[in-house]
Amino acid sequence: MSQKILQVNFKFSVSKAEYEQVCLPEAPNLAAAPGLRWKVWIMNEVEREAGGIYLFDDETSLQSFVEPLKAMLDAPIFSDIRMTTFDILEALTLITRGPIQETAQI
């Protein structure tokens, strides 16, 4: 199995400080998700858009994460939620020092 990227973007309707207050208690729960290697939190404060880039061990881990994440984003401060899954171009990513682990080629 190969590692997978999940990209999530959404609009938010509160200040940056309020957004961080809402997300802070959830960060440890996200970090504990089985198969999640890391998440990079992203924000464009001017456009009121935020989200994250997630690296998962495999498709199974990613898919088991999506439904709980959708439930978390069901809060009224979030809208226009978009989730996209990507494969990783491993050889190119390793050349440019992307934070992935090389997987064995079978």
PDB file of N, CA and C in Angstrom:
ATOM      1  N   MET A   1       0.839  -1.186   0.000  1.00  0.00           N
ATOM      2  CA  MET A   1       0.000   0.000   0.000  1.00  0.00           C
ATOM      3  C   MET A   1       0.881   1.245   0.000  1.00  0.00           C
ATOM      4  N   SER A   2       0.369   2.314  -0.580  1.00  0.00           N
ATOM      5  CA  SER A   2       1.160   3.532  -0.633  1.00  0.00           C
ATOM      6  C   SER A   2       0.516   4.638   0.190  1.00  0.00           C
ATOM      7  N   GLN A   3       1.355   5.549   0.618  1.00  0.00           N
ATOM      8  CA  GLN A   3       0.885   6.680   1.417  1.00  0.00           C
ATOM      9  C   GLN A   3      -0.057   7.548   0.579  1.00  0.00           C
ATOM     10  N   LYS A   4      -0.957   8.242   1.276  1.00  0.00           N
ATOM     11  CA  LYS A   4      -1.962   9.079   0.613  1.00  0.00           C
ATOM     12  C   LYS A   4      -1.989  10.453   1.254  1.00  0.00           C
ATOM     13  N   ILE A   5      -2.305  11.433   0.449  1.00  0.00           N
ATOM     14  CA  ILE A   5      -2.485  12.813   0.912  1.00  0.00           C
ATOM     15  C   ILE A   5      -3.979  13.130   0.886  1.00  0.00           C
ATOM     16  N   LEU A   6      -4.438  13.794   1.935  1.00  0.00           N
ATOM     17  CA  LEU A   6      -5.784  14.354   1.972  1.00  0.00           C
ATOM     18  C   LEU A   6      -5.634  15.866   2.074  1.00  0.00           C
ATOM     19  N   GLN A   7      -6.249  16.576   1.157  1.00  0.00           N
ATOM     20  CA  GLN A   7      -6.263  18.041   1.198  1.00  0.00           C
ATOM     21  C   GLN A   7      -7.676  18.479   1.541  1.00  0.00           C
ATOM     22  N   VAL A   8      -7.800  19.292   2.572  1.00  0.00           N
ATOM     23  CA  VAL A   8      -9.098  19.787   3.017  1.00  0.00           C
ATOM     24  C   VAL A   8      -9.049  21.313   3.007  1.00  0.00           C
ATOM     25  N   ASN A   9     -10.035  21.928   2.396  1.00  0.00           N
ATOM     26  CA  ASN A   9     -10.174  23.388   2.392  1.00  0.00           C
ATOM     27  C   ASN A   9     -11.613  23.722   2.735  1.00  0.00           C
ATOM     28  N   PHE A  10     -11.786  24.827   3.450  1.00  0.00           N
ATOM     29  CA  PHE A  10     -13.125  25.277   3.803  1.00  0.00           C
ATOM     30  C   PHE A  10     -13.081  26.756   4.148  1.00  0.00           C
ATOM     31  N   LYS A  11     -14.235  27.358   4.165  1.00  0.00           N
ATOM     32  CA  LYS A  11     -14.389  28.740   4.617  1.00  0.00           C
ATOM     33  C   LYS A  11     -14.726  28.718   6.106  1.00  0.00           C
ATOM     34  N   PHE A  12     -14.317  29.767   6.824  1.00  0.00           N
ATOM     35  CA  PHE A  12     -14.662  29.901   8.240  1.00  0.00           C
ATOM     36  C   PHE A  12     -15.209  31.298   8.488  1.00  0.00           C
ATOM     37  N   SER A  13     -16.058  31.430   9.510  1.00  0.00           N
ATOM     38  CA  SER A  13     -16.781  32.689   9.709  1.00  0.00           C
ATOM     39  C   SER A  13     -16.446  33.396  11.016  1.00  0.00           C
ATOM     40  N   VAL A  14     -15.321  33.041  11.626  1.00  0.00           N
ATOM     41  CA  VAL A  14     -14.923  33.658  12.896  1.00  0.00           C
ATOM     42  C   VAL A  14     -13.530  34.258  12.738  1.00  0.00           C
ATOM     43  N   SER A  15     -13.053  34.943  13.765  1.00  0.00           N
ATOM     44  CA  SER A  15     -11.706  35.495  13.706  1.00  0.00           C
ATOM     45  C   SER A  15     -10.666  34.374  13.764  1.00  0.00           C
ATOM     46  N   LYS A  16      -9.434  34.694  13.408  1.00  0.00           N
ATOM     47  CA  LYS A  16      -8.353  33.719  13.477  1.00  0.00           C
ATOM     48  C   LYS A  16      -8.199  33.201  14.912  1.00  0.00           C
ATOM     49  N   ALA A  17      -8.266  34.082  15.882  1.00  0.00           N
ATOM     50  CA  ALA A  17      -8.121  33.683  17.289  1.00  0.00           C
ATOM     51  C   ALA A  17      -9.243  32.731  17.707  1.00  0.00           C
ATOM     52  N   GLU A  18     -10.471  33.043  17.293  1.00  0.00           N
ATOM     53  CA  GLU A  18     -11.601  32.154  17.615  1.00  0.00           C
ATOM     54  C   GLU A  18     -11.449  30.805  16.920  1.00  0.00           C
ATOM     55  N   TYR A  19     -10.998  30.827  15.675  1.00  0.00           N
ATOM     56  CA  TYR A  19     -10.765  29.590  14.937  1.00  0.00           C
ATOM     57  C   TYR A  19      -9.747  28.715  15.677  1.00  0.00           C
ATOM     58  N   GLU A  20      -8.648  29.328  16.095  1.00  0.00           N
ATOM     59  CA  GLU A  20      -7.623  28.576  16.817  1.00  0.00           C
ATOM     60  C   GLU A  20      -8.165  28.029  18.133  1.00  0.00           C
ATOM     61  N   GLN A  21      -9.011  28.784  18.821  1.00  0.00           N
ATOM     62  CA  GLN A  21      -9.618  28.302  20.066  1.00  0.00           C
ATOM     63  C   GLN A  21     -10.502  27.087  19.823  1.00  0.00           C
ATOM     64  N   VAL A  22     -11.234  27.096  18.714  1.00  0.00           N
ATOM     65  CA  VAL A  22     -12.101  25.966  18.375  1.00  0.00           C
ATOM     66  C   VAL A  22     -11.256  24.735  18.017  1.00  0.00           C
ATOM     67  N   CYS A  23     -10.170  24.952  17.290  1.00  0.00           N
ATOM     68  CA  CYS A  23      -9.371  23.833  16.781  1.00  0.00           C
ATOM     69  C   CYS A  23      -8.391  23.264  17.805  1.00  0.00           C
ATOM     70  N   LEU A  24      -7.927  24.079  18.718  1.00  0.00           N
ATOM     71  CA  LEU A  24      -6.896  23.627  19.663  1.00  0.00           C
ATOM     72  C   LEU A  24      -7.276  22.356  20.415  1.00  0.00           C
ATOM     73  N   PRO A  25      -8.477  22.253  20.967  1.00  0.00           N
ATOM     74  CA  PRO A  25      -8.819  21.012  21.675  1.00  0.00           C
ATOM     75  C   PRO A  25      -8.916  19.794  20.752  1.00  0.00           C
ATOM     76  N   GLU A  26      -9.152  20.023  19.475  1.00  0.00           N
ATOM     77  CA  GLU A  26      -9.283  18.921  18.518  1.00  0.00           C
ATOM     78  C   GLU A  26      -7.937  18.429  17.998  1.00  0.00           C
ATOM     79  N   ALA A  27      -6.902  19.248  18.070  1.00  0.00           N
ATOM     80  CA  ALA A  27      -5.596  18.876  17.510  1.00  0.00           C
ATOM     81  C   ALA A  27      -5.056  17.564  18.078  1.00  0.00           C
ATOM     82  N   PRO A  28      -5.095  17.332  19.400  1.00  0.00           N
ATOM     83  CA  PRO A  28      -4.601  16.039  19.908  1.00  0.00           C
ATOM     84  C   PRO A  28      -5.426  14.851  19.410  1.00  0.00           C
ATOM     85  N   ASN A  29      -6.734  15.049  19.244  1.00  0.00           N
ATOM     86  CA  ASN A  29      -7.577  13.975  18.710  1.00  0.00           C
ATOM     87  C   ASN A  29      -7.190  13.638  17.272  1.00  0.00           C
ATOM     88  N   LEU A  30      -6.933  14.671  16.483  1.00  0.00           N
ATOM     89  CA  LEU A  30      -6.499  14.450  15.110  1.00  0.00           C
ATOM     90  C   LEU A  30      -5.148  13.741  15.098  1.00  0.00           C
ATOM     91  N   ALA A  31      -4.237  14.178  15.943  1.00  0.00           N
ATOM     92  CA  ALA A  31      -2.901  13.587  15.996  1.00  0.00           C
ATOM     93  C   ALA A  31      -2.935  12.107  16.364  1.00  0.00           C
ATOM     94  N   ALA A  32      -3.949  11.707  17.093  1.00  0.00           N
ATOM     95  CA  ALA A  32      -4.061  10.314  17.540  1.00  0.00           C
ATOM     96  C   ALA A  32      -4.739   9.402  16.520  1.00  0.00           C
ATOM     97  N   ALA A  33      -5.177   9.946  15.409  1.00  0.00           N
ATOM     98  CA  ALA A  33      -5.883   9.135  14.409  1.00  0.00           C
ATOM     99  C   ALA A  33      -4.958   8.045  13.865  1.00  0.00           C
ATOM    100  N   PRO A  34      -5.422   6.801  13.859  1.00  0.00           N
ATOM    101  CA  PRO A  34      -4.599   5.704  13.335  1.00  0.00           C
ATOM    102  C   PRO A  34      -4.195   5.953  11.882  1.00  0.00           C
ATOM    103  N   GLY A  35      -2.928   5.814  11.606  1.00  0.00           N
ATOM    104  CA  GLY A  35      -2.423   5.954  10.246  1.00  0.00           C
ATOM    105  C   GLY A  35      -2.106   7.364   9.812  1.00  0.00           C
ATOM    106  N   LEU A  36      -2.412   8.378  10.634  1.00  0.00           N
ATOM    107  CA  LEU A  36      -2.071   9.759  10.285  1.00  0.00           C
ATOM    108  C   LEU A  36      -0.625  10.025  10.682  1.00  0.00           C
ATOM    109  N   ARG A  37       0.211  10.351   9.723  1.00  0.00           N
ATOM    110  CA  ARG A  37       1.620  10.655  10.001  1.00  0.00           C
ATOM    111  C   ARG A  37       1.803  12.106  10.425  1.00  0.00           C
ATOM    112  N   TRP A  38       1.130  13.014   9.728  1.00  0.00           N
ATOM    113  CA  TRP A  38       1.199  14.431  10.085  1.00  0.00           C
ATOM    114  C   TRP A  38       0.075  15.202   9.415  1.00  0.00           C
ATOM    115  N   LYS A  39      -0.112  16.404   9.960  1.00  0.00           N
ATOM    116  CA  LYS A  39      -1.048  17.369   9.364  1.00  0.00           C
ATOM    117  C   LYS A  39      -0.372  18.724   9.383  1.00  0.00           C
ATOM    118  N   VAL A  40      -0.490  19.451   8.294  1.00  0.00           N
ATOM    119  CA  VAL A  40      -0.071  20.844   8.227  1.00  0.00           C
ATOM    120  C   VAL A  40      -1.351  21.674   8.184  1.00  0.00           C
ATOM    121  N   TRP A  41      -1.494  22.565   9.168  1.00  0.00           N
ATOM    122  CA  TRP A  41      -2.660  23.447   9.241  1.00  0.00           C
ATOM    123  C   TRP A  41      -2.401  24.635   8.328  1.00  0.00           C
ATOM    124  N   ILE A  42      -3.392  24.987   7.508  1.00  0.00           N
ATOM    125  CA  ILE A  42      -3.220  26.101   6.567  1.00  0.00           C
ATOM    126  C   ILE A  42      -4.344  27.119   6.739  1.00  0.00           C
ATOM    127  N   MET A  43      -4.018  28.385   6.467  1.00  0.00           N
ATOM    128  CA  MET A  43      -5.028  29.439   6.588  1.00  0.00           C
ATOM    129  C   MET A  43      -4.680  30.610   5.677  1.00  0.00           C
ATOM    130  N   ASN A  44      -5.709  31.143   5.026  1.00  0.00           N
ATOM    131  CA  ASN A  44      -5.643  32.416   4.327  1.00  0.00           C
ATOM    132  C   ASN A  44      -6.640  33.309   5.052  1.00  0.00           C
ATOM    133  N   GLU A  45      -6.139  34.067   6.014  1.00  0.00           N
ATOM    134  CA  GLU A  45      -7.019  34.853   6.881  1.00  0.00           C
ATOM    135  C   GLU A  45      -7.832  35.881   6.098  1.00  0.00           C
ATOM    136  N   VAL A  46      -7.221  36.497   5.103  1.00  0.00           N
ATOM    137  CA  VAL A  46      -7.912  37.519   4.311  1.00  0.00           C
ATOM    138  C   VAL A  46      -9.122  36.928   3.597  1.00  0.00           C
ATOM    139  N   GLU A  47      -8.959  35.754   3.020  1.00  0.00           N
ATOM    140  CA  GLU A  47     -10.053  35.109   2.288  1.00  0.00           C
ATOM    141  C   GLU A  47     -10.953  34.276   3.193  1.00  0.00           C
ATOM    142  N   ARG A  48     -10.593  34.189   4.493  1.00  0.00           N
ATOM    143  CA  ARG A  48     -11.331  33.374   5.467  1.00  0.00           C
ATOM    144  C   ARG A  48     -11.435  31.923   5.001  1.00  0.00           C
ATOM    145  N   GLU A  49     -10.306  31.427   4.519  1.00  0.00           N
ATOM    146  CA  GLU A  49     -10.229  30.037   4.092  1.00  0.00           C
ATOM    147  C   GLU A  49      -9.139  29.346   4.888  1.00  0.00           C
ATOM    148  N   ALA A  50      -9.412  28.125   5.297  1.00  0.00           N
ATOM    149  CA  ALA A  50      -8.441  27.352   6.071  1.00  0.00           C
ATOM    150  C   ALA A  50      -8.559  25.896   5.657  1.00  0.00           C
ATOM    151  N   GLY A  51      -7.754  25.074   6.301  1.00  0.00           N
ATOM    152  CA  GLY A  51      -7.813  23.651   6.015  1.00  0.00           C
ATOM    153  C   GLY A  51      -6.564  22.952   6.481  1.00  0.00           C
ATOM    154  N   GLY A  52      -6.241  21.890   5.781  1.00  0.00           N
ATOM    155  CA  GLY A  52      -5.078  21.125   6.156  1.00  0.00           C
ATOM    156  C   GLY A  52      -4.628  20.197   5.049  1.00  0.00           C
ATOM    157  N   ILE A  53      -3.357  19.836   5.154  1.00  0.00           N
ATOM    158  CA  ILE A  53      -2.761  18.822   4.298  1.00  0.00           C
ATOM    159  C   ILE A  53      -2.357  17.692   5.236  1.00  0.00           C
ATOM    160  N   TYR A  54      -2.844  16.496   4.965  1.00  0.00           N
ATOM    161  CA  TYR A  54      -2.640  15.344   5.840  1.00  0.00           C
ATOM    162  C   TYR A  54      -1.888  14.257   5.078  1.00  0.00           C
ATOM    163  N   LEU A  55      -0.974  13.572   5.751  1.00  0.00           N
ATOM    164  CA  LEU A  55      -0.313  12.407   5.174  1.00  0.00           C
ATOM    165  C   LEU A  55      -0.740  11.172   5.954  1.00  0.00           C
ATOM    166  N   PHE A  56      -1.267  10.187   5.227  1.00  0.00           N
ATOM    167  CA  PHE A  56      -1.715   8.930   5.821  1.00  0.00           C
ATOM    168  C   PHE A  56      -0.854   7.771   5.327  1.00  0.00           C
ATOM    169  N   ASP A  57      -0.777   6.736   6.158  1.00  0.00           N
ATOM    170  CA  ASP A  57      -0.033   5.531   5.799  1.00  0.00           C
ATOM    171  C   ASP A  57      -0.583   4.880   4.538  1.00  0.00           C
ATOM    172  N   ASP A  58      -1.909   4.933   4.390  1.00  0.00           N
ATOM    173  CA  ASP A  58      -2.536   4.214   3.277  1.00  0.00           C
ATOM    174  C   ASP A  58      -3.979   4.698   3.094  1.00  0.00           C
ATOM    175  N   GLU A  59      -4.602   4.187   2.065  1.00  0.00           N
ATOM    176  CA  GLU A  59      -5.979   4.557   1.726  1.00  0.00           C
ATOM    177  C   GLU A  59      -6.960   4.179   2.828  1.00  0.00           C
ATOM    178  N   THR A  60      -6.752   3.023   3.446  1.00  0.00           N
ATOM    179  CA  THR A  60      -7.647   2.567   4.511  1.00  0.00           C
ATOM    180  C   THR A  60      -7.650   3.542   5.678  1.00  0.00           C
ATOM    181  N   SER A  61      -6.466   3.981   6.095  1.00  0.00           N
ATOM    182  CA  SER A  61      -6.357   4.950   7.196  1.00  0.00           C
ATOM    183  C   SER A  61      -7.039   6.262   6.837  1.00  0.00           C
ATOM    184  N   LEU A  62      -6.814   6.717   5.614  1.00  0.00           N
ATOM    185  CA  LEU A  62      -7.425   7.968   5.167  1.00  0.00           C
ATOM    186  C   LEU A  62      -8.944   7.852   5.189  1.00  0.00           C
ATOM    187  N   GLN A  63      -9.480   6.791   4.627  1.00  0.00           N
ATOM    188  CA  GLN A  63     -10.929   6.648   4.541  1.00  0.00           C
ATOM    189  C   GLN A  63     -11.583   6.534   5.919  1.00  0.00           C
ATOM    190  N   SER A  64     -10.911   5.894   6.872  1.00  0.00           N
ATOM    191  CA  SER A  64     -11.499   5.786   8.212  1.00  0.00           C
ATOM    192  C   SER A  64     -11.468   7.123   8.954  1.00  0.00           C
ATOM    193  N   PHE A  65     -10.671   8.063   8.481  1.00  0.00           N
ATOM    194  CA  PHE A  65     -10.545   9.383   9.084  1.00  0.00           C
ATOM    195  C   PHE A  65     -11.589  10.367   8.553  1.00  0.00           C
ATOM    196  N   VAL A  66     -12.022  10.171   7.326  1.00  0.00           N
ATOM    197  CA  VAL A  66     -12.857  11.159   6.634  1.00  0.00           C
ATOM    198  C   VAL A  66     -14.198  11.397   7.328  1.00  0.00           C
ATOM    199  N   GLU A  67     -14.910  10.361   7.709  1.00  0.00           N
ATOM    200  CA  GLU A  67     -16.234  10.562   8.321  1.00  0.00           C
ATOM    201  C   GLU A  67     -16.155  11.316   9.652  1.00  0.00           C
ATOM    202  N   PRO A  68     -15.245  10.943  10.572  1.00  0.00           N
ATOM    203  CA  PRO A  68     -15.131  11.741  11.802  1.00  0.00           C
ATOM    204  C   PRO A  68     -14.735  13.205  11.522  1.00  0.00           C
ATOM    205  N   LEU A  69     -13.899  13.414  10.508  1.00  0.00           N
ATOM    206  CA  LEU A  69     -13.522  14.787  10.160  1.00  0.00           C
ATOM    207  C   LEU A  69     -14.725  15.557   9.635  1.00  0.00           C
ATOM    208  N   LYS A  70     -15.530  14.928   8.802  1.00  0.00           N
ATOM    209  CA  LYS A  70     -16.752  15.587   8.299  1.00  0.00           C
ATOM    210  C   LYS A  70     -17.662  15.972   9.462  1.00  0.00           C
ATOM    211  N   ALA A  71     -17.778  15.105  10.458  1.00  0.00           N
ATOM    212  CA  ALA A  71     -18.612  15.408  11.624  1.00  0.00           C
ATOM    213  C   ALA A  71     -18.074  16.616  12.373  1.00  0.00           C
ATOM    214  N   MET A  72     -16.749  16.693  12.524  1.00  0.00           N
ATOM    215  CA  MET A  72     -16.134  17.825  13.212  1.00  0.00           C
ATOM    216  C   MET A  72     -16.377  19.127  12.443  1.00  0.00           C
ATOM    217  N   LEU A  73     -16.324  19.063  11.120  1.00  0.00           N
ATOM    218  CA  LEU A  73     -16.499  20.254  10.287  1.00  0.00           C
ATOM    219  C   LEU A  73     -17.963  20.613  10.064  1.00  0.00           C
ATOM    220  N   ASP A  74     -18.856  19.896  10.722  1.00  0.00           N
ATOM    221  CA  ASP A  74     -20.283  20.170  10.604  1.00  0.00           C
ATOM    222  C   ASP A  74     -20.696  21.390  11.440  1.00  0.00           C
ATOM    223  N   ALA A  75     -19.758  21.963  12.172  1.00  0.00           N
ATOM    224  CA  ALA A  75     -20.039  23.144  12.994  1.00  0.00           C
ATOM    225  C   ALA A  75     -20.454  24.316  12.109  1.00  0.00           C
ATOM    226  N   PRO A  76     -21.309  25.198  12.615  1.00  0.00           N
ATOM    227  CA  PRO A  76     -21.804  26.306  11.792  1.00  0.00           C
ATOM    228  C   PRO A  76     -20.741  27.321  11.370  1.00  0.00           C
ATOM    229  N   ILE A  77     -19.566  27.304  11.982  1.00  0.00           N
ATOM    230  CA  ILE A  77     -18.524  28.264  11.583  1.00  0.00           C
ATOM    231  C   ILE A  77     -17.809  27.835  10.306  1.00  0.00           C
ATOM    232  N   PHE A  78     -18.067  26.603   9.829  1.00  0.00           N
ATOM    233  CA  PHE A  78     -17.407  26.093   8.628  1.00  0.00           C
ATOM    234  C   PHE A  78     -18.409  25.985   7.482  1.00  0.00           C
ATOM    235  N   SER A  79     -17.934  26.286   6.272  1.00  0.00           N
ATOM    236  CA  SER A  79     -18.772  26.132   5.084  1.00  0.00           C
ATOM    237  C   SER A  79     -17.894  25.824   3.878  1.00  0.00           C
ATOM    238  N   ASP A  80     -18.527  25.484   2.781  1.00  0.00           N
ATOM    239  CA  ASP A  80     -17.835  25.224   1.513  1.00  0.00           C
ATOM    240  C   ASP A  80     -16.659  24.254   1.709  1.00  0.00           C
ATOM    241  N   ILE A  81     -16.947  23.115   2.321  1.00  0.00           N
ATOM    242  CA  ILE A  81     -15.908  22.133   2.654  1.00  0.00           C
ATOM    243  C   ILE A  81     -15.589  21.291   1.423  1.00  0.00           C
ATOM    244  N   ARG A  82     -14.292  21.202   1.122  1.00  0.00           N
ATOM    245  CA  ARG A  82     -13.825  20.401  -0.002  1.00  0.00           C
ATOM    246  C   ARG A  82     -12.722  19.461   0.481  1.00  0.00           C
ATOM    247  N   MET A  83     -12.862  18.185   0.169  1.00  0.00           N
ATOM    248  CA  MET A  83     -11.860  17.179   0.526  1.00  0.00           C
ATOM    249  C   MET A  83     -11.414  16.472  -0.743  1.00  0.00           C
ATOM    250  N   THR A  84     -10.107  16.412  -0.942  1.00  0.00           N
ATOM    251  CA  THR A  84      -9.543  15.776  -2.127  1.00  0.00           C
ATOM    252  C   THR A  84      -8.419  14.843  -1.700  1.00  0.00           C
ATOM    253  N   THR A  85      -8.419  13.653  -2.270  1.00  0.00           N
ATOM    254  CA  THR A  85      -7.396  12.654  -1.989  1.00  0.00           C
ATOM    255  C   THR A  85      -6.396  12.613  -3.137  1.00  0.00           C
ATOM    256  N   PHE A  86      -5.123  12.473  -2.792  1.00  0.00           N
ATOM    257  CA  PHE A  86      -4.067  12.410  -3.803  1.00  0.00           C
ATOM    258  C   PHE A  86      -3.128  11.246  -3.539  1.00  0.00           C
ATOM    259  N   ASP A  87      -2.610  10.666  -4.623  1.00  0.00           N
ATOM    260  CA  ASP A  87      -1.471   9.764  -4.531  1.00  0.00           C
ATOM    261  C   ASP A  87      -0.218  10.635  -4.451  1.00  0.00           C
ATOM    262  N   ILE A  88       0.858  10.051  -3.983  1.00  0.00           N
ATOM    263  CA  ILE A  88       2.126  10.778  -3.870  1.00  0.00           C
ATOM    264  C   ILE A  88       3.064  10.321  -4.974  1.00  0.00           C
ATOM    265  N   LEU A  89       3.681  11.255  -5.649  1.00  0.00           N
ATOM    266  CA  LEU A  89       4.740  10.946  -6.604  1.00  0.00           C
ATOM    267  C   LEU A  89       6.027  10.838  -5.782  1.00  0.00           C
ATOM    268  N   GLU A  90       6.267   9.621  -5.297  1.00  0.00           N
ATOM    269  CA  GLU A  90       7.286   9.392  -4.278  1.00  0.00           C
ATOM    270  C   GLU A  90       8.693   9.780  -4.725  1.00  0.00           C
ATOM    271  N   ALA A  91       9.123   9.347  -5.889  1.00  0.00           N
ATOM    272  CA  ALA A  91      10.488   9.626  -6.329  1.00  0.00           C
ATOM    273  C   ALA A  91      10.757  11.130  -6.400  1.00  0.00           C
ATOM    274  N   LEU A  92       9.820  11.866  -6.971  1.00  0.00           N
ATOM    275  CA  LEU A  92       9.993  13.316  -7.083  1.00  0.00           C
ATOM    276  C   LEU A  92       9.928  13.990  -5.713  1.00  0.00           C
ATOM    277  N   THR A  93       9.021  13.520  -4.863  1.00  0.00           N
ATOM    278  CA  THR A  93       8.873  14.099  -3.531  1.00  0.00           C
ATOM    279  C   THR A  93      10.136  13.895  -2.698  1.00  0.00           C
ATOM    280  N   LEU A  94      10.740  12.723  -2.807  1.00  0.00           N
ATOM    281  CA  LEU A  94      11.972  12.467  -2.057  1.00  0.00           C
ATOM    282  C   LEU A  94      13.114  13.365  -2.531  1.00  0.00           C
ATOM    283  N   ILE A  95      13.186  13.617  -3.838  1.00  0.00           N
ATOM    284  CA  ILE A  95      14.229  14.513  -4.367  1.00  0.00           C
ATOM    285  C   ILE A  95      14.086  15.908  -3.781  1.00  0.00           C
ATOM    286  N   THR A  96      12.853  16.368  -3.625  1.00  0.00           N
ATOM    287  CA  THR A  96      12.628  17.734  -3.124  1.00  0.00           C
ATOM    288  C   THR A  96      12.414  17.773  -1.611  1.00  0.00           C
ATOM    289  N   ARG A  97      12.821  16.712  -0.926  1.00  0.00           N
ATOM    290  CA  ARG A  97      12.808  16.605   0.534  1.00  0.00           C
ATOM    291  C   ARG A  97      11.415  16.680   1.143  1.00  0.00           C
ATOM    292  N   GLY A  98      10.407  16.188   0.432  1.00  0.00           N
ATOM    293  CA  GLY A  98       9.059  16.110   1.001  1.00  0.00           C
ATOM    294  C   GLY A  98       9.077  15.184   2.204  1.00  0.00           C
ATOM    295  N   PRO A  99       8.314  15.509   3.234  1.00  0.00           N
ATOM    296  CA  PRO A  99       8.353  14.749   4.492  1.00  0.00           C
ATOM    297  C   PRO A  99       7.574  13.439   4.439  1.00  0.00           C
ATOM    298  N   ILE A 100       8.031  12.548   3.577  1.00  0.00           N
ATOM    299  CA  ILE A 100       7.432  11.219   3.480  1.00  0.00           C
ATOM    300  C   ILE A 100       8.519  10.195   3.738  1.00  0.00           C
ATOM    301  N   GLN A 101       8.104   8.968   4.010  1.00  0.00           N
ATOM    302  CA  GLN A 101       9.056   7.873   4.122  1.00  0.00           C
ATOM    303  C   GLN A 101       9.002   7.076   2.837  1.00  0.00           C
ATOM    304  N   GLU A 102      10.159   6.675   2.386  1.00  0.00           N
ATOM    305  CA  GLU A 102      10.222   5.866   1.173  1.00  0.00           C
ATOM    306  C   GLU A 102       9.562   4.518   1.445  1.00  0.00           C
ATOM    307  N   THR A 103       8.730   4.070   0.519  1.00  0.00           N
ATOM    308  CA  THR A 103       8.089   2.766   0.677  1.00  0.00           C
ATOM    309  C   THR A 103       8.804   1.749  -0.198  1.00  0.00           C
ATOM    310  N   ALA A 104       8.745   0.518   0.207  1.00  0.00           N
ATOM    311  CA  ALA A 104       9.416  -0.547  -0.531  1.00  0.00           C
ATOM    312  C   ALA A 104       8.716  -0.760  -1.870  1.00  0.00           C
ATOM    313  N   GLN A 105       9.486  -0.942  -2.905  1.00  0.00           N
ATOM    314  CA  GLN A 105       8.944  -1.233  -4.227  1.00  0.00           C
ATOM    315  C   GLN A 105       8.849  -2.747  -4.390  1.00  0.00           C
ATOM    316  N   ILE A 106       7.665  -3.243  -4.707  1.00  0.00           N
ATOM    317  CA  ILE A 106       7.462  -4.695  -4.861  1.00  0.00           C
ATOM    318  C   ILE A 106       7.455  -5.063  -6.309  1.00  0.00           C
TER     319      ILE A 106
END
